[in-house]
C-alpha atoms as a PDB file:
ATOM      1  CA  UNK A   1      12.341 -12.373   5.471  1.00  0.00           C
ATOM      2  CA  UNK A   2      11.180  -8.825   4.772  1.00  0.00           C
ATOM      3  CA  UNK A   3       9.013  -6.261   6.470  1.00  0.00           C
ATOM      4  CA  UNK A   4       6.782  -3.640   4.893  1.00  0.00           C
ATOM      5  CA  UNK A   5       5.659  -0.383   6.435  1.00  0.00           C
ATOM      6  CA  UNK A   6       2.084   0.000   5.201  1.00  0.00           C
ATOM      7  CA  UNK A   7      -0.744   2.532   5.380  1.00  0.00           C
ATOM      8  CA  UNK A   8      -4.187   0.970   5.817  1.00  0.00           C
ATOM      9  CA  UNK A   9      -7.522   2.407   4.672  1.00  0.00           C
ATOM     10  CA  UNK A  10     -10.894   3.324   6.091  1.00  0.00           C
ATOM     11  CA  UNK A  11     -13.671   0.734   5.856  1.00  0.00           C
ATOM     12  CA  UNK A  12     -15.229   2.159   2.666  1.00  0.00           C
ATOM     13  CA  UNK A  13     -11.947   2.203   0.713  1.00  0.00           C
ATOM     14  CA  UNK A  14     -10.958  -1.223   2.038  1.00  0.00           C
ATOM     15  CA  UNK A  15     -14.312  -2.605   0.918  1.00  0.00           C
ATOM     16  CA  UNK A  16     -13.888  -1.052  -2.552  1.00  0.00           C
ATOM     17  CA  UNK A  17     -10.487  -2.684  -3.005  1.00  0.00           C
ATOM     18  CA  UNK A  18     -11.770  -6.022  -1.689  1.00  0.00           C
ATOM     19  CA  UNK A  19     -14.569  -5.815  -4.276  1.00  0.00           C
ATOM     20  CA  UNK A  20     -11.902  -5.456  -6.953  1.00  0.00           C
ATOM     21  CA  UNK A  21     -10.046  -8.457  -5.528  1.00  0.00           C
ATOM     22  CA  UNK A  22     -13.285 -10.482  -5.643  1.00  0.00           C
ATOM     23  CA  UNK A  23     -13.894  -9.441  -9.238  1.00  0.00           C
ATOM     24  CA  UNK A  24     -10.402 -10.648 -10.180  1.00  0.00           C
ATOM     25  CA  UNK A  25     -10.949 -13.961  -8.391  1.00  0.00           C
ATOM     26  CA  UNK A  26     -14.316 -14.425 -10.140  1.00  0.00           C
ATOM     27  CA  UNK A  27     -12.490 -14.175 -13.484  1.00  0.00           C
ATOM     28  CA  UNK A  28      -9.889 -16.737 -12.448  1.00  0.00           C
ATOM     29  CA  UNK A  29      -7.143 -14.219 -11.682  1.00  0.00           C
ATOM     30  CA  UNK A  30      -5.451 -14.648  -8.301  1.00  0.00           C
ATOM     31  CA  UNK A  31      -5.706 -11.392  -6.374  1.00  0.00           C
ATOM     32  CA  UNK A  32      -4.039 -10.230  -3.192  1.00  0.00           C
ATOM     33  CA  UNK A  33      -6.928 -11.919  -1.365  1.00  0.00           C
ATOM     34  CA  UNK A  34      -5.499 -15.352  -2.122  1.00  0.00           C
ATOM     35  CA  UNK A  35      -1.759 -15.063  -2.810  1.00  0.00           C
ATOM     36  CA  UNK A  36       0.975 -15.935  -0.337  1.00  0.00           C
ATOM     37  CA  UNK A  37      -0.183 -16.080   3.269  1.00  0.00           C
ATOM     38  CA  UNK A  38      -3.695 -14.933   2.259  1.00  0.00           C
ATOM     39  CA  UNK A  39      -3.840 -12.306   5.019  1.00  0.00           C
ATOM     40  CA  UNK A  40      -3.294  -9.202   2.913  1.00  0.00           C
ATOM     41  CA  UNK A  41      -5.216  -6.028   3.646  1.00  0.00           C
ATOM     42  CA  UNK A  42      -5.675  -3.245   1.103  1.00  0.00           C
ATOM     43  CA  UNK A  43      -2.788  -0.833   1.658  1.00  0.00           C
ATOM     44  CA  UNK A  44      -0.080   1.401   0.277  1.00  0.00           C
ATOM     45  CA  UNK A  45       3.478   0.396   1.191  1.00  0.00           C
ATOM     46  CA  UNK A  46       5.829   3.180   2.244  1.00  0.00           C
ATOM     47  CA  UNK A  47       8.898   0.981   2.564  1.00  0.00           C
ATOM     48  CA  UNK A  48      10.078  -2.598   2.370  1.00  0.00           C
ATOM     49  CA  UNK A  49      13.175  -3.522   4.386  1.00  0.00           C
ATOM     50  CA  UNK A  50      14.946  -6.613   5.654  1.00  0.00           C
ATOM     51  CA  UNK A  51      14.584  -5.352   9.208  1.00  0.00           C
ATOM     52  CA  UNK A  52      12.632  -2.597  10.927  1.00  0.00           C
ATOM     53  CA  UNK A  53      11.712  -2.465  14.596  1.00  0.00           C
ATOM     54  CA  UNK A  54       8.496  -0.999  15.990  1.00  0.00           C
ATOM     55  CA  UNK A  55      10.561   1.691  17.758  1.00  0.00           C
ATOM     56  CA  UNK A  56      12.247   2.731  14.506  1.00  0.00           C
ATOM     57  CA  UNK A  57       8.911   2.776  12.693  1.00  0.00           C
ATOM     58  CA  UNK A  58       7.107   4.765  15.407  1.00  0.00           C
ATOM     59  CA  UNK A  59       9.774   7.471  15.347  1.00  0.00           C
ATOM     60  CA  UNK A  60       9.749   7.657  11.564  1.00  0.00           C
ATOM     61  CA  UNK A  61       5.949   7.758  11.252  1.00  0.00           C
ATOM     62  CA  UNK A  62       5.422  10.629  13.691  1.00  0.00           C
ATOM     63  CA  UNK A  63       4.738  13.059  10.806  1.00  0.00           C
ATOM     64  CA  UNK A  64       2.079  10.668   9.477  1.00  0.00           C
ATOM     65  CA  UNK A  65       0.434  10.361  12.905  1.00  0.00           C
ATOM     66  CA  UNK A  66      -0.204  14.095  12.742  1.00  0.00           C
ATOM     67  CA  UNK A  67      -1.711  13.797   9.237  1.00  0.00           C
ATOM     68  CA  UNK A  68      -5.294  13.503  10.429  1.00  0.00           C
ATOM     69  CA  UNK A  69      -6.705  14.473   7.056  1.00  0.00           C
ATOM     70  CA  UNK A  70      -4.422  12.403   4.825  1.00  0.00           C
ATOM     71  CA  UNK A  71      -6.610  11.050   2.058  1.00  0.00           C
ATOM     72  CA  UNK A  72      -5.179   9.083  -0.838  1.00  0.00           C
ATOM     73  CA  UNK A  73      -6.868   9.203  -4.230  1.00  0.00           C
ATOM     74  CA  UNK A  74      -6.809   5.669  -5.622  1.00  0.00           C
ATOM     75  CA  UNK A  75      -6.988   6.302  -9.330  1.00  0.00           C
ATOM     76  CA  UNK A  76      -6.205   4.513 -12.521  1.00  0.00           C
ATOM     77  CA  UNK A  77      -5.461   0.842 -13.119  1.00  0.00           C
ATOM     78  CA  UNK A  78      -1.827   0.251 -14.028  1.00  0.00           C
ATOM     79  CA  UNK A  79       0.704  -2.533 -14.546  1.00  0.00           C
ATOM     80  CA  UNK A  80       4.330  -2.661 -13.408  1.00  0.00           C
ATOM     81  CA  UNK A  81       6.633  -3.935 -16.142  1.00  0.00           C
ATOM     82  CA  UNK A  82       8.759  -6.980 -15.519  1.00  0.00           C
ATOM     83  CA  UNK A  83       8.743 -10.768 -15.464  1.00  0.00           C
ATOM     84  CA  UNK A  84       5.843 -11.192 -13.013  1.00  0.00           C
ATOM     85  CA  UNK A  85       2.830  -9.031 -13.779  1.00  0.00           C
ATOM     86  CA  UNK A  86       1.635  -6.684 -11.060  1.00  0.00           C
ATOM     87  CA  UNK A  87      -1.714  -4.951 -11.477  1.00  0.00           C
ATOM     88  CA  UNK A  88      -2.391  -2.029  -9.157  1.00  0.00           C
ATOM     89  CA  UNK A  89      -4.373   1.112  -8.493  1.00  0.00           C
ATOM     90  CA  UNK A  90      -2.225   4.179  -8.800  1.00  0.00           C
ATOM     91  CA  UNK A  91      -2.209   6.684  -5.957  1.00  0.00           C
ATOM     92  CA  UNK A  92      -2.181  10.325  -6.993  1.00  0.00           C
ATOM     93  CA  UNK A  93       1.249  11.453  -5.736  1.00  0.00           C
ATOM     94  CA  UNK A  94       0.393  14.747  -4.051  1.00  0.00           C
ATOM     95  CA  UNK A  95       3.176  17.028  -2.909  1.00  0.00           C
ATOM     96  CA  UNK A  96       2.061  16.451   0.695  1.00  0.00           C
ATOM     97  CA  UNK A  97       2.261  12.653   0.347  1.00  0.00           C
ATOM     98  CA  UNK A  98       5.704  12.846  -1.272  1.00  0.00           C
ATOM     99  CA  UNK A  99       6.985  15.182   1.461  1.00  0.00           C
ATOM    100  CA  UNK A 100       5.700  12.838   4.173  1.00  0.00           C
ATOM    101  CA  UNK A 101       7.340   9.885   2.397  1.00  0.00           C
ATOM    102  CA  UNK A 102      10.647  11.765   2.108  1.00  0.00           C
ATOM    103  CA  UNK A 103      10.570  12.734   5.797  1.00  0.00           C
ATOM    104  CA  UNK A 104       9.820   9.154   6.811  1.00  0.00           C
ATOM    105  CA  UNK A 105      12.738   7.821   4.764  1.00  0.00           C
ATOM    106  CA  UNK A 106      15.133  10.459   6.100  1.00  0.00           C
ATOM    107  CA  UNK A 107      14.306   9.444   9.673  1.00  0.00           C
ATOM    108  CA  UNK A 108      14.542   5.716   8.920  1.00  0.00           C
ATOM    109  CA  UNK A 109      17.876   6.118   7.125  1.00  0.00           C
ATOM    110  CA  UNK A 110      19.141   8.000  10.188  1.00  0.00           C
ATOM    111  CA  UNK A 111      18.066   5.017  12.312  1.00  0.00           C
ATOM    112  CA  UNK A 112      19.952   2.578  10.075  1.00  0.00           C
ATOM    113  CA  UNK A 113      16.957   1.130   8.201  1.00  0.00           C
ATOM    114  CA  UNK A 114      17.747   0.362   4.560  1.00  0.00           C
ATOM    115  CA  UNK A 115      14.777   0.488   2.236  1.00  0.00           C
ATOM    116  CA  UNK A 116      14.359  -1.568  -0.883  1.00  0.00           C
ATOM    117  CA  UNK A 117      15.281   0.511  -3.926  1.00  0.00           C
ATOM    118  CA  UNK A 118      11.750   0.680  -5.343  1.00  0.00           C
ATOM    119  CA  UNK A 119      10.512   2.453  -2.188  1.00  0.00           C
ATOM    120  CA  UNK A 120      13.193   5.133  -1.955  1.00  0.00           C
ATOM    121  CA  UNK A 121      12.272   8.783  -2.498  1.00  0.00           C
ATOM    122  CA  UNK A 122      12.432   9.715  -6.194  1.00  0.00           C
ATOM    123  CA  UNK A 123      11.874   6.039  -7.139  1.00  0.00           C
ATOM    124  CA  UNK A 124       8.681   5.207  -5.203  1.00  0.00           C
ATOM    125  CA  UNK A 125       5.470   4.766  -7.169  1.00  0.00           C
ATOM    126  CA  UNK A 126       2.670   4.957  -4.597  1.00  0.00           C
ATOM    127  CA  UNK A 127       0.179   2.195  -5.360  1.00  0.00           C
ATOM    128  CA  UNK A 128      -2.341  -0.290  -4.005  1.00  0.00           C
ATOM    129  CA  UNK A 129      -1.602  -3.771  -5.356  1.00  0.00           C
ATOM    130  CA  UNK A 130      -4.564  -5.717  -6.696  1.00  0.00           C
ATOM    131  CA  UNK A 131      -2.733  -8.777  -8.074  1.00  0.00           C
ATOM    132  CA  UNK A 132       0.880  -9.865  -8.422  1.00  0.00           C
ATOM    133  CA  UNK A 133       2.839 -12.703  -9.924  1.00  0.00           C
ATOM    134  CA  UNK A 134       0.574 -12.810 -12.957  1.00  0.00           C
ATOM    135  CA  UNK A 135       1.568 -14.351 -16.258  1.00  0.00           C
ATOM    136  CA  UNK A 136       1.549 -11.785 -19.041  1.00  0.00           C
ATOM    137  CA  UNK A 137      -1.355 -13.689 -20.593  1.00  0.00           C
ATOM    138  CA  UNK A 138      -3.423 -12.973 -17.425  1.00  0.00           C
ATOM    139  CA  UNK A 139      -2.990  -9.193 -17.599  1.00  0.00           C
ATOM    140  CA  UNK A 140      -5.804  -8.490 -20.101  1.00  0.00           C
ATOM    141  CA  UNK A 141      -8.276 -10.548 -18.007  1.00  0.00           C
ATOM    142  CA  UNK A 142      -7.175  -8.708 -14.865  1.00  0.00           C
ATOM    143  CA  UNK A 143      -7.762  -5.299 -16.416  1.00  0.00           C
ATOM    144  CA  UNK A 144     -11.135  -6.456 -17.829  1.00  0.00           C
ATOM    145  CA  UNK A 145     -12.216  -7.639 -14.375  1.00  0.00           C
ATOM    146  CA  UNK A 146     -11.767  -4.273 -12.711  1.00  0.00           C
ATOM    147  CA  UNK A 147     -11.992  -1.630 -15.416  1.00  0.00           C
ATOM    148  CA  UNK A 148     -15.653  -0.813 -14.694  1.00  0.00           C
ATOM    149  CA  UNK A 149     -15.162  -0.456 -10.943  1.00  0.00           C
ATOM    150  CA  UNK A 150     -14.849   3.071  -9.617  1.00  0.00           C
ATOM    151  CA  UNK A 151     -11.721   4.565  -8.085  1.00  0.00           C
ATOM    152  CA  UNK A 152     -12.097   5.798  -4.538  1.00  0.00           C
ATOM    153  CA  UNK A 153     -10.556   8.026  -1.906  1.00  0.00           C
ATOM    154  CA  UNK A 154      -8.870   6.260   0.997  1.00  0.00           C
ATOM    155  CA  UNK A 155      -8.581   7.835   4.431  1.00  0.00           C
ATOM    156  CA  UNK A 156      -5.539   6.465   6.245  1.00  0.00           C
ATOM    157  CA  UNK A 157      -6.703   4.856   9.490  1.00  0.00           C
ATOM    158  CA  UNK A 158      -3.532   3.105  10.623  1.00  0.00           C
ATOM    159  CA  UNK A 159       0.079   2.393   9.775  1.00  0.00           C
ATOM    160  CA  UNK A 160       1.714  -0.908  10.549  1.00  0.00           C
ATOM    161  CA  UNK A 161       4.727  -3.120  10.051  1.00  0.00           C
ATOM    162  CA  UNK A 162       3.789  -6.245   8.124  1.00  0.00           C
ATOM    163  CA  UNK A 163       5.856  -9.425   8.198  1.00  0.00           C
ATOM    164  CA  UNK A 164       5.663 -10.279   4.499  1.00  0.00           C
ATOM    165  CA  UNK A 165       6.129 -14.003   5.168  1.00  0.00           C
ATOM    166  CA  UNK A 166       3.313 -14.438   7.698  1.00  0.00           C
ATOM    167  CA  UNK A 167       1.061 -11.399   7.228  1.00  0.00           C
ATOM    168  CA  UNK A 168       1.356 -10.501  10.925  1.00  0.00           C
ATOM    169  CA  UNK A 169       0.758  -6.777  11.496  1.00  0.00           C
ATOM    170  CA  UNK A 170       2.185  -4.647  14.287  1.00  0.00           C
ATOM    171  CA  UNK A 171       0.211  -1.384  14.418  1.00  0.00           C
ATOM    172  CA  UNK A 172       2.574   1.570  14.730  1.00  0.00           C
ATOM    173  CA  UNK A 173       0.352   4.627  14.383  1.00  0.00           C
ATOM    174  CA  UNK A 174      -3.255   5.613  14.104  1.00  0.00           C
ATOM    175  CA  UNK A 175      -3.524   9.142  12.714  1.00  0.00           C
ATOM    176  CA  UNK A 176      -5.542  11.458  14.882  1.00  0.00           C
ATOM    177  CA  UNK A 177      -8.694  12.279  12.928  1.00  0.00           C
ATOM    178  CA  UNK A 178     -10.361  15.606  13.485  1.00  0.00           C
ATOM    179  CA  UNK A 179     -14.150  15.810  13.561  1.00  0.00           C
ATOM    180  CA  UNK A 180     -14.023  17.579  10.206  1.00  0.00           C
ATOM    181  CA  UNK A 181     -11.854  15.086   8.359  1.00  0.00           C
ATOM    182  CA  UNK A 182     -13.478  13.099   5.563  1.00  0.00           C
END
């Protein structure tokens, strides 16, 4: 069993990603809409760990709760190398986002939470997964399905712990949005 600490998007960005998922499905490529428990929401994972409690996560995400204007630029289509193909939207790694990620990991490490190696500072590639577990022969069709769809900006509306086996979400933080935030 594993848990992911994930940032969720505003309605417009979530809809844009779900449109990409639907485009993949229409071309016969299984997207995050239909893999595993089938309860995935568009997101960016900050950490994956064997165990993390809501108390640990709330303490660690305090800097993010104050980030009322945190907007992620979901950019280019990319593929992680490896045995099982993963197609994703890259997230422009701003200095602010990387600093928030580093602070979060420092607090979680101090609380005894061990992150998976791909999510550690200086190794993390911020991304929004579109499809995973693809055969290499499916990758060209996946890219074809979404290459004409436009990237978008994603306002972070909540942060939660996700049980990766069931898809259950425990909301940890909802950034305070100012009236002037996009």
